[in-house]
């Protein structure tokens, strides 16, 4: 039977446990239907603590979900591109798959509208692309077709992030922080 979707996207994971429940369902689907449909996973950082809502660091989040062998992992939504860059850089440092990022157009103002101009959002994402941090970019809350057009123009010609070399085998655990036991 041919797949009926191109990929599955679990996005805005602020609580990795909920994300893991979705991953479990997708892996069960893969086993039941014998279809390998790519999985994309996207977390979010909701505040200035630099952690998911459940308190995990970026690397701990990766250790929690890497068993799914996602086609891509990254972040969306959150605090806007300026504040999200450090977390995108960190996931790019630790994840051995493609990196995706699609931030908000800044934070909403008191009228719940987004003030960040398309050129501002695009400049951030173009810098990430030129730094070799990402493979897939886009926009989340507050982005408009003009934002997406500016992002596409800003990253045109950028080289995609190269795959990371395979890490040595080790037990990599997570709680709020990442933990590795080398053999």
C-alpha atoms as a PDB file:
ATOM      1  CA  UNK A   1       0.000   0.000   0.000  1.00  0.00           C
ATOM      2  CA  UNK A   2       1.398   3.414  -0.957  1.00  0.00           C
ATOM      3  CA  UNK A   3       1.787   5.973   1.824  1.00  0.00           C
ATOM      4  CA  UNK A   4      -0.994   8.527   2.013  1.00  0.00           C
ATOM      5  CA  UNK A   5       1.130  11.277   3.580  1.00  0.00           C
ATOM      6  CA  UNK A   6       4.610  12.569   2.777  1.00  0.00           C
ATOM      7  CA  UNK A   7       5.722  12.967   6.396  1.00  0.00           C
ATOM      8  CA  UNK A   8       4.467  13.279   9.954  1.00  0.00           C
ATOM      9  CA  UNK A   9       5.206  16.487  11.884  1.00  0.00           C
ATOM     10  CA  UNK A  10       4.967  16.582  15.666  1.00  0.00           C
ATOM     11  CA  UNK A  11       5.328  20.274  16.422  1.00  0.00           C
ATOM     12  CA  UNK A  12       5.405  22.779  19.237  1.00  0.00           C
ATOM     13  CA  UNK A  13       6.503  20.112  21.720  1.00  0.00           C
ATOM     14  CA  UNK A  14       6.682  22.062  24.971  1.00  0.00           C
ATOM     15  CA  UNK A  15       6.405  18.862  27.009  1.00  0.00           C
ATOM     16  CA  UNK A  16       8.620  16.071  25.718  1.00  0.00           C
ATOM     17  CA  UNK A  17       6.448  13.408  27.346  1.00  0.00           C
ATOM     18  CA  UNK A  18       3.513  14.428  25.130  1.00  0.00           C
ATOM     19  CA  UNK A  19       5.877  14.406  22.156  1.00  0.00           C
ATOM     20  CA  UNK A  20       7.009  10.901  23.071  1.00  0.00           C
ATOM     21  CA  UNK A  21       3.365   9.751  23.136  1.00  0.00           C
ATOM     22  CA  UNK A  22       2.957  11.027  19.568  1.00  0.00           C
ATOM     23  CA  UNK A  23       6.235   9.357  18.563  1.00  0.00           C
ATOM     24  CA  UNK A  24       5.030   6.055  20.053  1.00  0.00           C
ATOM     25  CA  UNK A  25       1.837   6.265  17.979  1.00  0.00           C
ATOM     26  CA  UNK A  26       3.845   6.989  14.829  1.00  0.00           C
ATOM     27  CA  UNK A  27       6.263   4.123  15.444  1.00  0.00           C
ATOM     28  CA  UNK A  28       3.320   1.777  16.115  1.00  0.00           C
ATOM     29  CA  UNK A  29       1.774   2.944  12.826  1.00  0.00           C
ATOM     30  CA  UNK A  30       5.087   2.233  11.076  1.00  0.00           C
ATOM     31  CA  UNK A  31       5.157  -1.298  12.502  1.00  0.00           C
ATOM     32  CA  UNK A  32       1.495  -2.046  11.804  1.00  0.00           C
ATOM     33  CA  UNK A  33       1.432  -0.811   8.218  1.00  0.00           C
ATOM     34  CA  UNK A  34       5.066  -1.538   7.373  1.00  0.00           C
ATOM     35  CA  UNK A  35       5.479   1.986   6.027  1.00  0.00           C
ATOM     36  CA  UNK A  36       8.477   4.135   6.725  1.00  0.00           C
ATOM     37  CA  UNK A  37       7.074   7.649   6.572  1.00  0.00           C
ATOM     38  CA  UNK A  38       9.545  10.315   7.695  1.00  0.00           C
ATOM     39  CA  UNK A  39       9.002  11.876  11.112  1.00  0.00           C
ATOM     40  CA  UNK A  40       9.809  15.537  11.800  1.00  0.00           C
ATOM     41  CA  UNK A  41       9.946  16.725  15.410  1.00  0.00           C
ATOM     42  CA  UNK A  42       9.792  20.343  16.517  1.00  0.00           C
ATOM     43  CA  UNK A  43      10.061  21.545  20.095  1.00  0.00           C
ATOM     44  CA  UNK A  44       9.469  24.984  21.509  1.00  0.00           C
ATOM     45  CA  UNK A  45      11.071  27.157  24.167  1.00  0.00           C
ATOM     46  CA  UNK A  46       8.251  29.149  25.795  1.00  0.00           C
ATOM     47  CA  UNK A  47      10.202  31.559  27.986  1.00  0.00           C
ATOM     48  CA  UNK A  48      13.575  33.088  28.755  1.00  0.00           C
ATOM     49  CA  UNK A  49      14.624  30.101  30.889  1.00  0.00           C
ATOM     50  CA  UNK A  50      15.917  28.449  27.716  1.00  0.00           C
ATOM     51  CA  UNK A  51      14.133  25.204  28.531  1.00  0.00           C
ATOM     52  CA  UNK A  52      11.021  23.438  27.360  1.00  0.00           C
ATOM     53  CA  UNK A  53       7.930  24.008  29.496  1.00  0.00           C
ATOM     54  CA  UNK A  54       8.631  20.691  31.224  1.00  0.00           C
ATOM     55  CA  UNK A  55      12.101  22.013  32.122  1.00  0.00           C
ATOM     56  CA  UNK A  56      14.390  20.163  29.717  1.00  0.00           C
ATOM     57  CA  UNK A  57      17.454  21.638  28.083  1.00  0.00           C
ATOM     58  CA  UNK A  58      17.796  21.319  24.318  1.00  0.00           C
ATOM     59  CA  UNK A  59      20.236  18.397  24.559  1.00  0.00           C
ATOM     60  CA  UNK A  60      18.039  16.596  27.108  1.00  0.00           C
ATOM     61  CA  UNK A  61      15.070  17.026  24.756  1.00  0.00           C
ATOM     62  CA  UNK A  62      17.137  15.472  21.939  1.00  0.00           C
ATOM     63  CA  UNK A  63      18.147  12.531  24.145  1.00  0.00           C
ATOM     64  CA  UNK A  64      14.448  11.993  24.928  1.00  0.00           C
ATOM     65  CA  UNK A  65      13.329  11.797  21.299  1.00  0.00           C
ATOM     66  CA  UNK A  66      16.332  10.604  19.281  1.00  0.00           C
ATOM     67  CA  UNK A  67      15.136   6.988  19.406  1.00  0.00           C
ATOM     68  CA  UNK A  68      12.508   7.964  16.800  1.00  0.00           C
ATOM     69  CA  UNK A  69      15.321   8.555  14.292  1.00  0.00           C
ATOM     70  CA  UNK A  70      13.593  11.655  12.954  1.00  0.00           C
ATOM     71  CA  UNK A  71      14.220  12.844   9.417  1.00  0.00           C
ATOM     72  CA  UNK A  72      14.507  16.351  10.926  1.00  0.00           C
ATOM     73  CA  UNK A  73      14.367  17.946  14.369  1.00  0.00           C
ATOM     74  CA  UNK A  74      14.343  21.516  15.548  1.00  0.00           C
ATOM     75  CA  UNK A  75      12.247  24.309  16.984  1.00  0.00           C
ATOM     76  CA  UNK A  76       9.232  26.377  16.047  1.00  0.00           C
ATOM     77  CA  UNK A  77       7.128  29.106  17.599  1.00  0.00           C
ATOM     78  CA  UNK A  78       8.795  30.268  20.820  1.00  0.00           C
ATOM     79  CA  UNK A  79      10.140  33.719  21.493  1.00  0.00           C
ATOM     80  CA  UNK A  80      11.028  34.752  17.979  1.00  0.00           C
ATOM     81  CA  UNK A  81      14.134  34.156  15.922  1.00  0.00           C
ATOM     82  CA  UNK A  82      16.497  36.375  17.915  1.00  0.00           C
ATOM     83  CA  UNK A  83      15.919  34.471  21.156  1.00  0.00           C
ATOM     84  CA  UNK A  84      15.630  31.074  19.468  1.00  0.00           C
ATOM     85  CA  UNK A  85      19.031  31.133  17.754  1.00  0.00           C
ATOM     86  CA  UNK A  86      20.998  29.683  20.699  1.00  0.00           C
ATOM     87  CA  UNK A  87      18.639  26.703  20.898  1.00  0.00           C
ATOM     88  CA  UNK A  88      18.810  26.076  17.152  1.00  0.00           C
ATOM     89  CA  UNK A  89      22.613  26.172  17.405  1.00  0.00           C
ATOM     90  CA  UNK A  90      22.510  23.690  20.288  1.00  0.00           C
ATOM     91  CA  UNK A  91      20.207  21.210  18.534  1.00  0.00           C
ATOM     92  CA  UNK A  92      22.418  21.549  15.457  1.00  0.00           C
ATOM     93  CA  UNK A  93      25.412  20.650  17.626  1.00  0.00           C
ATOM     94  CA  UNK A  94      23.900  17.464  19.061  1.00  0.00           C
ATOM     95  CA  UNK A  95      21.367  16.059  16.556  1.00  0.00           C
ATOM     96  CA  UNK A  96      22.493  13.669  13.833  1.00  0.00           C
ATOM     97  CA  UNK A  97      19.658  14.470  11.435  1.00  0.00           C
ATOM     98  CA  UNK A  98      18.442  17.490   9.498  1.00  0.00           C
ATOM     99  CA  UNK A  99      17.630  20.649  11.456  1.00  0.00           C
ATOM    100  CA  UNK A 100      14.432  22.631  11.004  1.00  0.00           C
ATOM    101  CA  UNK A 101      13.501  26.014  12.419  1.00  0.00           C
ATOM    102  CA  UNK A 102      10.407  28.142  11.950  1.00  0.00           C
ATOM    103  CA  UNK A 103      10.124  30.844  14.594  1.00  0.00           C
ATOM    104  CA  UNK A 104       7.449  33.411  15.362  1.00  0.00           C
ATOM    105  CA  UNK A 105       7.715  36.900  13.912  1.00  0.00           C
ATOM    106  CA  UNK A 106       8.917  38.111  17.320  1.00  0.00           C
ATOM    107  CA  UNK A 107       6.649  38.220  20.336  1.00  0.00           C
ATOM    108  CA  UNK A 108       3.066  39.497  20.132  1.00  0.00           C
ATOM    109  CA  UNK A 109       2.456  43.058  21.273  1.00  0.00           C
ATOM    110  CA  UNK A 110      -0.306  44.119  23.716  1.00  0.00           C
ATOM    111  CA  UNK A 111      -2.836  43.827  20.862  1.00  0.00           C
ATOM    112  CA  UNK A 112      -1.710  40.228  20.179  1.00  0.00           C
ATOM    113  CA  UNK A 113      -0.211  41.293  16.850  1.00  0.00           C
ATOM    114  CA  UNK A 114       3.308  40.664  15.618  1.00  0.00           C
ATOM    115  CA  UNK A 115       5.477  43.666  14.818  1.00  0.00           C
ATOM    116  CA  UNK A 116       8.587  41.986  13.401  1.00  0.00           C
ATOM    117  CA  UNK A 117       8.980  42.900   9.748  1.00  0.00           C
ATOM    118  CA  UNK A 118       9.583  40.213   7.108  1.00  0.00           C
ATOM    119  CA  UNK A 119      13.115  41.522   6.528  1.00  0.00           C
ATOM    120  CA  UNK A 120      13.944  41.174  10.232  1.00  0.00           C
ATOM    121  CA  UNK A 121      12.802  37.562  10.457  1.00  0.00           C
ATOM    122  CA  UNK A 122      14.510  36.759   7.148  1.00  0.00           C
ATOM    123  CA  UNK A 123      17.806  38.298   8.308  1.00  0.00           C
ATOM    124  CA  UNK A 124      17.890  36.015  11.351  1.00  0.00           C
ATOM    125  CA  UNK A 125      17.155  32.875   9.366  1.00  0.00           C
ATOM    126  CA  UNK A 126      19.589  33.834   6.607  1.00  0.00           C
ATOM    127  CA  UNK A 127      22.319  34.132   9.256  1.00  0.00           C
ATOM    128  CA  UNK A 128      21.439  30.682  10.617  1.00  0.00           C
ATOM    129  CA  UNK A 129      21.622  29.236   7.120  1.00  0.00           C
ATOM    130  CA  UNK A 130      24.947  30.901   6.348  1.00  0.00           C
ATOM    131  CA  UNK A 131      26.292  29.598   9.691  1.00  0.00           C
ATOM    132  CA  UNK A 132      25.387  26.044   8.619  1.00  0.00           C
ATOM    133  CA  UNK A 133      22.877  25.501  11.428  1.00  0.00           C
ATOM    134  CA  UNK A 134      19.736  24.552   9.472  1.00  0.00           C
ATOM    135  CA  UNK A 135      18.343  22.544   6.585  1.00  0.00           C
ATOM    136  CA  UNK A 136      14.694  23.644   6.663  1.00  0.00           C
ATOM    137  CA  UNK A 137      13.380  27.110   7.565  1.00  0.00           C
ATOM    138  CA  UNK A 138       9.997  28.770   7.660  1.00  0.00           C
ATOM    139  CA  UNK A 139       7.714  30.811   9.849  1.00  0.00           C
ATOM    140  CA  UNK A 140       5.234  30.252  12.642  1.00  0.00           C
ATOM    141  CA  UNK A 141       2.936  32.654  14.512  1.00  0.00           C
ATOM    142  CA  UNK A 142       2.766  36.129  13.046  1.00  0.00           C
ATOM    143  CA  UNK A 143       4.566  35.280   9.840  1.00  0.00           C
ATOM    144  CA  UNK A 144       2.824  36.210   6.619  1.00  0.00           C
ATOM    145  CA  UNK A 145       3.344  35.326   2.965  1.00  0.00           C
ATOM    146  CA  UNK A 146       5.665  38.353   2.850  1.00  0.00           C
ATOM    147  CA  UNK A 147       7.741  36.842   5.684  1.00  0.00           C
ATOM    148  CA  UNK A 148       8.005  33.503   3.893  1.00  0.00           C
ATOM    149  CA  UNK A 149       8.995  35.202   0.621  1.00  0.00           C
ATOM    150  CA  UNK A 150      11.679  37.224   2.443  1.00  0.00           C
ATOM    151  CA  UNK A 151      12.962  34.098   4.213  1.00  0.00           C
ATOM    152  CA  UNK A 152      13.145  32.188   0.914  1.00  0.00           C
ATOM    153  CA  UNK A 153      15.049  35.056  -0.680  1.00  0.00           C
ATOM    154  CA  UNK A 154      17.356  35.363   2.344  1.00  0.00           C
ATOM    155  CA  UNK A 155      18.399  31.706   2.366  1.00  0.00           C
ATOM    156  CA  UNK A 156      18.582  31.224  -1.408  1.00  0.00           C
ATOM    157  CA  UNK A 157      21.952  29.766  -2.295  1.00  0.00           C
ATOM    158  CA  UNK A 158      22.866  28.864   1.292  1.00  0.00           C
ATOM    159  CA  UNK A 159      24.432  25.453   1.737  1.00  0.00           C
ATOM    160  CA  UNK A 160      22.431  23.045   3.885  1.00  0.00           C
ATOM    161  CA  UNK A 161      23.781  21.955   7.231  1.00  0.00           C
ATOM    162  CA  UNK A 162      25.987  18.922   6.679  1.00  0.00           C
ATOM    163  CA  UNK A 163      25.209  15.731   8.589  1.00  0.00           C
ATOM    164  CA  UNK A 164      27.107  15.218  11.816  1.00  0.00           C
ATOM    165  CA  UNK A 165      29.583  12.386  12.042  1.00  0.00           C
ATOM    166  CA  UNK A 166      28.332   9.357  13.922  1.00  0.00           C
ATOM    167  CA  UNK A 167      28.906   9.724  17.635  1.00  0.00           C
ATOM    168  CA  UNK A 168      30.631   6.972  19.585  1.00  0.00           C
ATOM    169  CA  UNK A 169      28.240   4.527  21.193  1.00  0.00           C
ATOM    170  CA  UNK A 170      27.270   5.668  24.675  1.00  0.00           C
ATOM    171  CA  UNK A 171      24.241   5.631  26.923  1.00  0.00           C
ATOM    172  CA  UNK A 172      22.619   9.051  26.558  1.00  0.00           C
ATOM    173  CA  UNK A 173      19.921   9.804  29.096  1.00  0.00           C
ATOM    174  CA  UNK A 174      17.738  12.743  29.884  1.00  0.00           C
ATOM    175  CA  UNK A 175      15.936  14.270  32.761  1.00  0.00           C
ATOM    176  CA  UNK A 176      15.974  18.013  32.962  1.00  0.00           C
ATOM    177  CA  UNK A 177      19.628  17.888  31.851  1.00  0.00           C
ATOM    178  CA  UNK A 178      21.365  15.594  29.403  1.00  0.00           C
ATOM    179  CA  UNK A 179      23.559  12.841  30.824  1.00  0.00           C
ATOM    180  CA  UNK A 180      25.995  10.584  28.985  1.00  0.00           C
ATOM    181  CA  UNK A 181      27.704   7.439  30.234  1.00  0.00           C
ATOM    182  CA  UNK A 182      30.688   6.613  28.052  1.00  0.00           C
ATOM    183  CA  UNK A 183      31.697   2.982  27.617  1.00  0.00           C
END
